[in-house]
């Protein structure tokens, strides 16, 4: 499995990235009330919070497929890695705008920093994967 990921470093980055995403997906889908209370989100947003969690579950399901089921592992999976990177990047940009500039609905700025920091970390990890696995994920 390690050779599928160009060594242990990128395998660890892959695992950290998608375990982190899985944790957020679980929080938004299963522990919705607790997640929403943490960010002072009204109960009426539960459906949309779970909607976002469902997107994250799609990423996690594909990551599990690539890691354990797919014969070629990451080979030729550039579209998936690029999509995850772009989604992470746009989540970071939109959240940074919402929290730092627009500030609509922000009651506790100190709590909302996670909405910038977590996507920045995920963006960095997914960029590292795109770079480190480029020889395998992009077929020319």
N, C-alpha and C. Protein backbone atom coordinates (compact mmCIF):
# COMPACT_ATOMS: atom_id res chain seq x y z
N UNK A 1 0.83 -1.20 0.00
CA UNK A 1 0.00 0.00 0.00
C UNK A 1 0.87 1.26 0.00
N UNK A 2 1.98 1.21 0.70
CA UNK A 2 2.85 2.38 0.80
C UNK A 2 3.35 2.81 -0.58
N UNK A 3 3.68 1.82 -1.42
CA UNK A 3 4.18 2.15 -2.76
C UNK A 3 3.11 2.81 -3.63
N UNK A 4 1.83 2.53 -3.36
CA UNK A 4 0.74 3.19 -4.09
C UNK A 4 0.75 4.70 -3.86
N UNK A 5 1.30 5.13 -2.71
CA UNK A 5 1.26 6.54 -2.31
C UNK A 5 2.63 7.21 -2.36
N UNK A 6 3.55 6.65 -3.12
CA UNK A 6 4.91 7.21 -3.24
C UNK A 6 5.60 7.34 -1.89
N UNK A 7 5.35 6.41 -1.01
CA UNK A 7 6.02 6.40 0.28
C UNK A 7 5.09 6.69 1.44
N UNK A 8 5.64 6.53 2.62
CA UNK A 8 4.88 6.64 3.86
C UNK A 8 4.36 8.06 4.11
N UNK A 9 5.12 9.07 3.70
CA UNK A 9 4.74 10.46 3.97
C UNK A 9 3.39 10.78 3.32
N UNK A 10 3.25 10.48 2.04
CA UNK A 10 2.00 10.81 1.34
C UNK A 10 0.84 9.91 1.78
N UNK A 11 1.15 8.69 2.20
CA UNK A 11 0.12 7.83 2.76
C UNK A 11 -0.40 8.44 4.07
N UNK A 12 0.50 8.93 4.90
CA UNK A 12 0.10 9.56 6.17
C UNK A 12 -0.71 10.82 5.90
N UNK A 13 -0.26 11.63 4.94
CA UNK A 13 -1.01 12.85 4.60
C UNK A 13 -2.41 12.49 4.12
N UNK A 14 -2.51 11.47 3.27
CA UNK A 14 -3.80 11.00 2.77
C UNK A 14 -4.70 10.59 3.93
N UNK A 15 -4.17 9.79 4.84
CA UNK A 15 -4.96 9.31 5.98
C UNK A 15 -5.40 10.47 6.87
N UNK A 16 -4.47 11.36 7.21
CA UNK A 16 -4.80 12.50 8.06
C UNK A 16 -5.89 13.36 7.41
N UNK A 17 -5.73 13.64 6.12
CA UNK A 17 -6.70 14.47 5.40
C UNK A 17 -8.09 13.86 5.46
N UNK A 18 -8.20 12.60 5.08
CA UNK A 18 -9.53 12.01 4.96
C UNK A 18 -10.12 11.57 6.31
N UNK A 19 -9.29 11.29 7.30
CA UNK A 19 -9.83 11.06 8.65
C UNK A 19 -10.40 12.38 9.18
N UNK A 20 -9.69 13.48 8.94
CA UNK A 20 -10.20 14.79 9.34
C UNK A 20 -11.54 15.11 8.69
N UNK A 21 -11.63 14.85 7.39
CA UNK A 21 -12.89 15.08 6.67
C UNK A 21 -13.98 14.17 7.25
N UNK A 22 -13.63 12.91 7.54
CA UNK A 22 -14.61 11.96 8.10
C UNK A 22 -15.12 12.44 9.46
N UNK A 23 -14.24 13.03 10.25
CA UNK A 23 -14.65 13.55 11.56
C UNK A 23 -15.67 14.67 11.39
N UNK A 24 -15.40 15.59 10.47
CA UNK A 24 -16.37 16.67 10.21
C UNK A 24 -17.67 16.10 9.64
N UNK A 25 -17.57 15.12 8.75
CA UNK A 25 -18.79 14.51 8.19
C UNK A 25 -19.62 13.88 9.30
N UNK A 26 -18.98 13.15 10.20
CA UNK A 26 -19.69 12.53 11.32
C UNK A 26 -20.36 13.59 12.18
N UNK A 27 -19.61 14.64 12.50
CA UNK A 27 -20.17 15.71 13.33
C UNK A 27 -21.39 16.35 12.68
N UNK A 28 -21.33 16.58 11.39
CA UNK A 28 -22.43 17.28 10.72
C UNK A 28 -23.63 16.37 10.45
N UNK A 29 -23.40 15.09 10.27
CA UNK A 29 -24.50 14.17 9.95
C UNK A 29 -25.09 13.54 11.21
N UNK A 30 -24.26 13.08 12.11
CA UNK A 30 -24.72 12.32 13.28
C UNK A 30 -24.86 13.21 14.52
N UNK A 31 -23.88 14.03 14.78
CA UNK A 31 -23.90 14.93 15.95
C UNK A 31 -24.28 16.35 15.53
N UNK A 32 -25.31 16.45 14.73
CA UNK A 32 -25.70 17.73 14.15
C UNK A 32 -26.01 18.78 15.21
N UNK A 33 -26.75 18.40 16.20
CA UNK A 33 -27.14 19.37 17.24
C UNK A 33 -25.90 19.93 17.95
N UNK A 34 -25.01 19.05 18.36
CA UNK A 34 -23.80 19.48 19.06
C UNK A 34 -22.93 20.37 18.15
N UNK A 35 -22.80 19.97 16.88
CA UNK A 35 -22.03 20.76 15.92
C UNK A 35 -22.64 22.15 15.76
N UNK A 36 -23.94 22.20 15.60
CA UNK A 36 -24.62 23.49 15.40
C UNK A 36 -24.56 24.36 16.66
N UNK A 37 -24.66 23.76 17.82
CA UNK A 37 -24.53 24.53 19.06
C UNK A 37 -23.14 25.14 19.18
N UNK A 38 -22.13 24.38 18.80
CA UNK A 38 -20.75 24.86 18.87
C UNK A 38 -20.56 26.14 18.06
N UNK A 39 -21.21 26.20 16.90
CA UNK A 39 -21.06 27.36 16.02
C UNK A 39 -22.27 28.31 16.07
N UNK A 40 -23.11 28.10 17.07
CA UNK A 40 -24.30 28.94 17.27
C UNK A 40 -25.18 29.00 16.03
N UNK A 41 -25.42 27.81 15.45
CA UNK A 41 -26.26 27.68 14.27
C UNK A 41 -27.64 27.22 14.73
N UNK A 42 -28.67 27.87 14.23
CA UNK A 42 -30.05 27.57 14.58
C UNK A 42 -30.46 26.18 14.07
N UNK A 43 -31.40 25.55 14.78
CA UNK A 43 -31.89 24.22 14.41
C UNK A 43 -32.45 24.16 12.99
N UNK A 44 -32.92 25.27 12.49
CA UNK A 44 -33.50 25.28 11.15
C UNK A 44 -32.47 25.01 10.07
N UNK A 45 -31.19 25.04 10.42
CA UNK A 45 -30.12 24.80 9.44
C UNK A 45 -29.67 23.34 9.41
N UNK A 46 -30.28 22.48 10.23
CA UNK A 46 -29.85 21.08 10.31
C UNK A 46 -29.81 20.40 8.94
N UNK A 47 -30.82 20.61 8.14
CA UNK A 47 -30.87 19.95 6.82
C UNK A 47 -29.68 20.37 5.97
N UNK A 48 -29.36 21.65 5.96
CA UNK A 48 -28.25 22.13 5.14
C UNK A 48 -26.89 21.71 5.72
N UNK A 49 -26.80 21.64 7.04
CA UNK A 49 -25.56 21.18 7.67
C UNK A 49 -25.33 19.71 7.29
N UNK A 50 -26.38 18.91 7.34
CA UNK A 50 -26.26 17.51 6.94
C UNK A 50 -26.01 17.37 5.44
N UNK A 51 -26.56 18.29 4.66
CA UNK A 51 -26.32 18.34 3.22
C UNK A 51 -24.81 18.45 2.95
N UNK A 52 -24.15 19.35 3.64
CA UNK A 52 -22.70 19.54 3.49
C UNK A 52 -21.96 18.29 3.98
N UNK A 53 -22.43 17.71 5.08
CA UNK A 53 -21.82 16.49 5.58
C UNK A 53 -21.90 15.35 4.58
N UNK A 54 -22.99 15.30 3.83
CA UNK A 54 -23.14 14.26 2.80
C UNK A 54 -22.11 14.42 1.69
N UNK A 55 -21.80 15.67 1.32
CA UNK A 55 -20.72 15.89 0.35
C UNK A 55 -19.40 15.33 0.88
N UNK A 56 -19.13 15.61 2.15
CA UNK A 56 -17.88 15.12 2.74
C UNK A 56 -17.85 13.59 2.78
N UNK A 57 -18.99 12.97 3.03
CA UNK A 57 -19.04 11.50 3.04
C UNK A 57 -18.70 10.93 1.67
N UNK A 58 -19.06 11.65 0.61
CA UNK A 58 -18.69 11.22 -0.74
C UNK A 58 -17.18 11.21 -0.91
N UNK A 59 -16.51 12.23 -0.40
CA UNK A 59 -15.03 12.27 -0.46
C UNK A 59 -14.44 11.10 0.30
N UNK A 60 -14.96 10.85 1.50
CA UNK A 60 -14.44 9.78 2.35
C UNK A 60 -14.67 8.42 1.70
N UNK A 61 -15.85 8.20 1.14
CA UNK A 61 -16.15 6.93 0.47
C UNK A 61 -15.19 6.70 -0.70
N UNK A 62 -14.93 7.74 -1.48
CA UNK A 62 -14.00 7.61 -2.61
C UNK A 62 -12.58 7.36 -2.11
N UNK A 63 -12.19 8.01 -1.02
CA UNK A 63 -10.85 7.79 -0.46
C UNK A 63 -10.69 6.34 0.01
N UNK A 64 -11.73 5.80 0.64
CA UNK A 64 -11.69 4.40 1.08
C UNK A 64 -11.59 3.48 -0.14
N UNK A 65 -12.35 3.77 -1.16
CA UNK A 65 -12.30 2.99 -2.39
C UNK A 65 -10.89 3.01 -2.99
N UNK A 66 -10.31 4.19 -3.10
CA UNK A 66 -8.96 4.32 -3.67
C UNK A 66 -7.93 3.58 -2.82
N UNK A 67 -8.07 3.68 -1.52
CA UNK A 67 -7.07 3.10 -0.62
C UNK A 67 -7.15 1.58 -0.53
N UNK A 68 -8.35 1.02 -0.47
CA UNK A 68 -8.49 -0.40 -0.18
C UNK A 68 -9.05 -1.26 -1.30
N UNK A 69 -9.79 -0.69 -2.24
CA UNK A 69 -10.49 -1.51 -3.22
C UNK A 69 -9.92 -1.37 -4.63
N UNK A 70 -9.69 -0.16 -5.05
CA UNK A 70 -9.25 0.11 -6.42
C UNK A 70 -7.92 -0.58 -6.70
N UNK A 71 -7.86 -1.36 -7.78
CA UNK A 71 -6.64 -2.12 -8.11
C UNK A 71 -5.42 -1.22 -8.29
N UNK A 72 -5.61 -0.12 -8.98
CA UNK A 72 -4.47 0.77 -9.26
C UNK A 72 -4.26 1.82 -8.18
N UNK A 73 -5.04 1.80 -7.12
CA UNK A 73 -4.89 2.80 -6.07
C UNK A 73 -5.09 4.20 -6.61
N UNK A 74 -4.10 5.04 -6.45
CA UNK A 74 -4.22 6.44 -6.85
C UNK A 74 -3.96 6.67 -8.34
N UNK A 75 -3.46 5.67 -9.03
CA UNK A 75 -3.09 5.84 -10.44
C UNK A 75 -4.30 6.29 -11.25
N UNK A 76 -4.18 7.42 -11.93
CA UNK A 76 -5.24 7.94 -12.77
C UNK A 76 -6.37 8.62 -12.02
N UNK A 77 -6.19 8.87 -10.73
CA UNK A 77 -7.25 9.46 -9.93
C UNK A 77 -7.08 10.98 -9.77
N UNK A 78 -6.43 11.60 -10.72
CA UNK A 78 -6.15 13.03 -10.65
C UNK A 78 -7.40 13.89 -10.54
N UNK A 79 -8.45 13.51 -11.23
CA UNK A 79 -9.70 14.28 -11.17
C UNK A 79 -10.24 14.34 -9.75
N UNK A 80 -10.20 13.22 -9.05
CA UNK A 80 -10.67 13.19 -7.67
C UNK A 80 -9.82 14.10 -6.79
N UNK A 81 -8.50 13.96 -6.88
CA UNK A 81 -7.61 14.77 -6.05
C UNK A 81 -7.74 16.26 -6.37
N UNK A 82 -7.88 16.58 -7.66
CA UNK A 82 -8.05 17.99 -8.04
C UNK A 82 -9.37 18.55 -7.52
N UNK A 83 -10.43 17.76 -7.63
CA UNK A 83 -11.74 18.21 -7.15
C UNK A 83 -11.70 18.45 -5.64
N UNK A 84 -11.11 17.54 -4.90
CA UNK A 84 -11.00 17.70 -3.44
C UNK A 84 -10.19 18.95 -3.11
N UNK A 85 -9.06 19.15 -3.82
CA UNK A 85 -8.25 20.34 -3.59
C UNK A 85 -9.06 21.62 -3.86
N UNK A 86 -9.74 21.66 -5.01
CA UNK A 86 -10.51 22.87 -5.36
C UNK A 86 -11.65 23.12 -4.38
N UNK A 87 -12.32 22.07 -3.96
CA UNK A 87 -13.39 22.25 -2.98
C UNK A 87 -12.84 22.76 -1.65
N UNK A 88 -11.73 22.20 -1.20
CA UNK A 88 -11.09 22.69 0.02
C UNK A 88 -10.69 24.15 -0.12
N UNK A 89 -10.10 24.50 -1.26
CA UNK A 89 -9.66 25.87 -1.51
C UNK A 89 -10.84 26.84 -1.49
N UNK A 90 -11.92 26.49 -2.17
CA UNK A 90 -13.07 27.39 -2.22
C UNK A 90 -13.79 27.47 -0.87
N UNK A 91 -13.80 26.39 -0.12
CA UNK A 91 -14.37 26.45 1.24
C UNK A 91 -13.55 27.43 2.06
N UNK A 92 -12.23 27.34 1.98
CA UNK A 92 -11.36 28.26 2.70
C UNK A 92 -11.62 29.71 2.28
N UNK A 93 -11.65 29.97 0.97
CA UNK A 93 -11.84 31.34 0.48
C UNK A 93 -13.21 31.91 0.88
N UNK A 94 -14.25 31.12 0.70
CA UNK A 94 -15.60 31.58 1.04
C UNK A 94 -15.73 31.81 2.54
N UNK A 95 -15.20 30.90 3.33
CA UNK A 95 -15.27 31.07 4.78
C UNK A 95 -14.44 32.26 5.25
N UNK A 96 -13.27 32.46 4.66
CA UNK A 96 -12.45 33.62 5.03
C UNK A 96 -13.21 34.91 4.71
N UNK A 97 -13.83 34.96 3.54
CA UNK A 97 -14.63 36.14 3.19
C UNK A 97 -15.78 36.32 4.19
N UNK A 98 -16.50 35.23 4.45
CA UNK A 98 -17.67 35.31 5.33
C UNK A 98 -17.30 35.74 6.74
N UNK A 99 -16.21 35.22 7.27
CA UNK A 99 -15.84 35.48 8.66
C UNK A 99 -15.08 36.79 8.82
N UNK A 100 -14.17 37.09 7.89
CA UNK A 100 -13.31 38.25 8.05
C UNK A 100 -13.86 39.53 7.42
N UNK A 101 -14.63 39.41 6.35
CA UNK A 101 -15.09 40.59 5.62
C UNK A 101 -16.58 40.82 5.79
N UNK A 102 -17.38 39.85 5.39
CA UNK A 102 -18.84 40.00 5.41
C UNK A 102 -19.40 40.00 6.83
N UNK A 103 -18.99 39.07 7.65
CA UNK A 103 -19.36 38.94 9.07
C UNK A 103 -20.85 38.77 9.33
N UNK A 104 -21.63 38.47 8.31
CA UNK A 104 -23.06 38.23 8.51
C UNK A 104 -23.24 36.95 9.32
N UNK A 105 -23.98 37.05 10.40
CA UNK A 105 -24.27 35.89 11.22
C UNK A 105 -23.17 35.47 12.17
N UNK A 106 -22.07 36.20 12.22
CA UNK A 106 -20.97 35.86 13.12
C UNK A 106 -21.23 36.49 14.48
N UNK A 107 -21.52 35.64 15.46
CA UNK A 107 -21.79 36.13 16.81
C UNK A 107 -20.56 36.05 17.69
N UNK A 108 -19.75 35.01 17.48
CA UNK A 108 -18.55 34.80 18.29
C UNK A 108 -17.36 34.60 17.35
N UNK A 109 -16.64 35.67 17.01
CA UNK A 109 -15.53 35.55 16.07
C UNK A 109 -14.48 34.52 16.48
N UNK A 110 -14.25 34.35 17.77
CA UNK A 110 -13.23 33.39 18.21
C UNK A 110 -13.65 31.95 17.89
N UNK A 111 -14.94 31.66 17.92
CA UNK A 111 -15.42 30.32 17.57
C UNK A 111 -15.36 30.09 16.06
N UNK A 112 -15.52 31.14 15.29
CA UNK A 112 -15.60 30.99 13.85
C UNK A 112 -14.24 30.80 13.18
N UNK A 113 -13.17 31.01 13.89
CA UNK A 113 -11.82 30.84 13.30
C UNK A 113 -11.59 29.42 12.80
N UNK A 114 -12.24 28.45 13.42
CA UNK A 114 -12.12 27.07 12.96
C UNK A 114 -12.61 26.96 11.51
N UNK A 115 -13.57 27.78 11.14
CA UNK A 115 -14.10 27.79 9.78
C UNK A 115 -13.09 28.28 8.75
N UNK A 116 -12.01 28.89 9.21
CA UNK A 116 -10.93 29.32 8.32
C UNK A 116 -9.74 28.36 8.44
N UNK A 117 -9.40 28.02 9.68
CA UNK A 117 -8.20 27.22 9.93
C UNK A 117 -8.33 25.80 9.38
N UNK A 118 -9.44 25.13 9.66
CA UNK A 118 -9.62 23.75 9.19
C UNK A 118 -9.56 23.67 7.66
N UNK A 119 -10.30 24.52 6.92
CA UNK A 119 -10.20 24.44 5.46
C UNK A 119 -8.80 24.77 4.93
N UNK A 120 -8.09 25.67 5.62
CA UNK A 120 -6.71 25.98 5.21
C UNK A 120 -5.82 24.74 5.38
N UNK A 121 -5.98 24.04 6.47
CA UNK A 121 -5.21 22.81 6.69
C UNK A 121 -5.56 21.76 5.64
N UNK A 122 -6.86 21.56 5.39
CA UNK A 122 -7.28 20.59 4.38
C UNK A 122 -6.79 20.99 2.98
N UNK A 123 -6.80 22.28 2.68
CA UNK A 123 -6.30 22.75 1.38
C UNK A 123 -4.82 22.44 1.24
N UNK A 124 -4.06 22.70 2.29
CA UNK A 124 -2.62 22.44 2.26
C UNK A 124 -2.34 20.95 2.10
N UNK A 125 -3.06 20.13 2.85
CA UNK A 125 -2.86 18.68 2.75
C UNK A 125 -3.22 18.16 1.35
N UNK A 126 -4.34 18.63 0.82
CA UNK A 126 -4.75 18.15 -0.51
C UNK A 126 -3.81 18.67 -1.60
N UNK A 127 -3.26 19.87 -1.44
CA UNK A 127 -2.26 20.38 -2.39
C UNK A 127 -1.00 19.52 -2.34
N UNK A 128 -0.60 19.14 -1.13
CA UNK A 128 0.57 18.27 -0.97
C UNK A 128 0.34 16.93 -1.67
N UNK A 129 -0.86 16.40 -1.56
CA UNK A 129 -1.18 15.13 -2.23
C UNK A 129 -1.13 15.28 -3.74
N UNK A 130 -1.70 16.36 -4.26
CA UNK A 130 -1.67 16.59 -5.72
C UNK A 130 -0.23 16.70 -6.21
N UNK A 131 0.61 17.38 -5.45
CA UNK A 131 2.01 17.55 -5.83
C UNK A 131 2.79 16.24 -5.69
N UNK A 132 2.67 15.61 -4.53
CA UNK A 132 3.47 14.43 -4.24
C UNK A 132 3.08 13.19 -5.01
N UNK A 133 1.84 13.14 -5.45
CA UNK A 133 1.36 11.97 -6.20
C UNK A 133 1.20 12.26 -7.69
N UNK A 134 1.70 13.41 -8.14
CA UNK A 134 1.50 13.85 -9.53
C UNK A 134 1.93 12.81 -10.55
N UNK A 135 3.02 12.10 -10.30
CA UNK A 135 3.50 11.12 -11.26
C UNK A 135 2.54 9.93 -11.40
N UNK A 136 1.69 9.72 -10.42
CA UNK A 136 0.74 8.60 -10.48
C UNK A 136 -0.68 9.04 -10.82
N UNK A 137 -1.12 10.17 -10.29
CA UNK A 137 -2.52 10.54 -10.46
C UNK A 137 -2.81 11.17 -11.81
N UNK A 138 -1.78 11.76 -12.43
CA UNK A 138 -1.99 12.40 -13.73
C UNK A 138 -1.42 11.52 -14.82
N UNK A 139 -2.27 11.00 -15.67
CA UNK A 139 -1.82 10.19 -16.79
C UNK A 139 -1.78 11.04 -18.03
N UNK A 140 -0.64 11.13 -18.63
CA UNK A 140 -0.47 11.98 -19.81
C UNK A 140 -0.56 11.19 -21.07
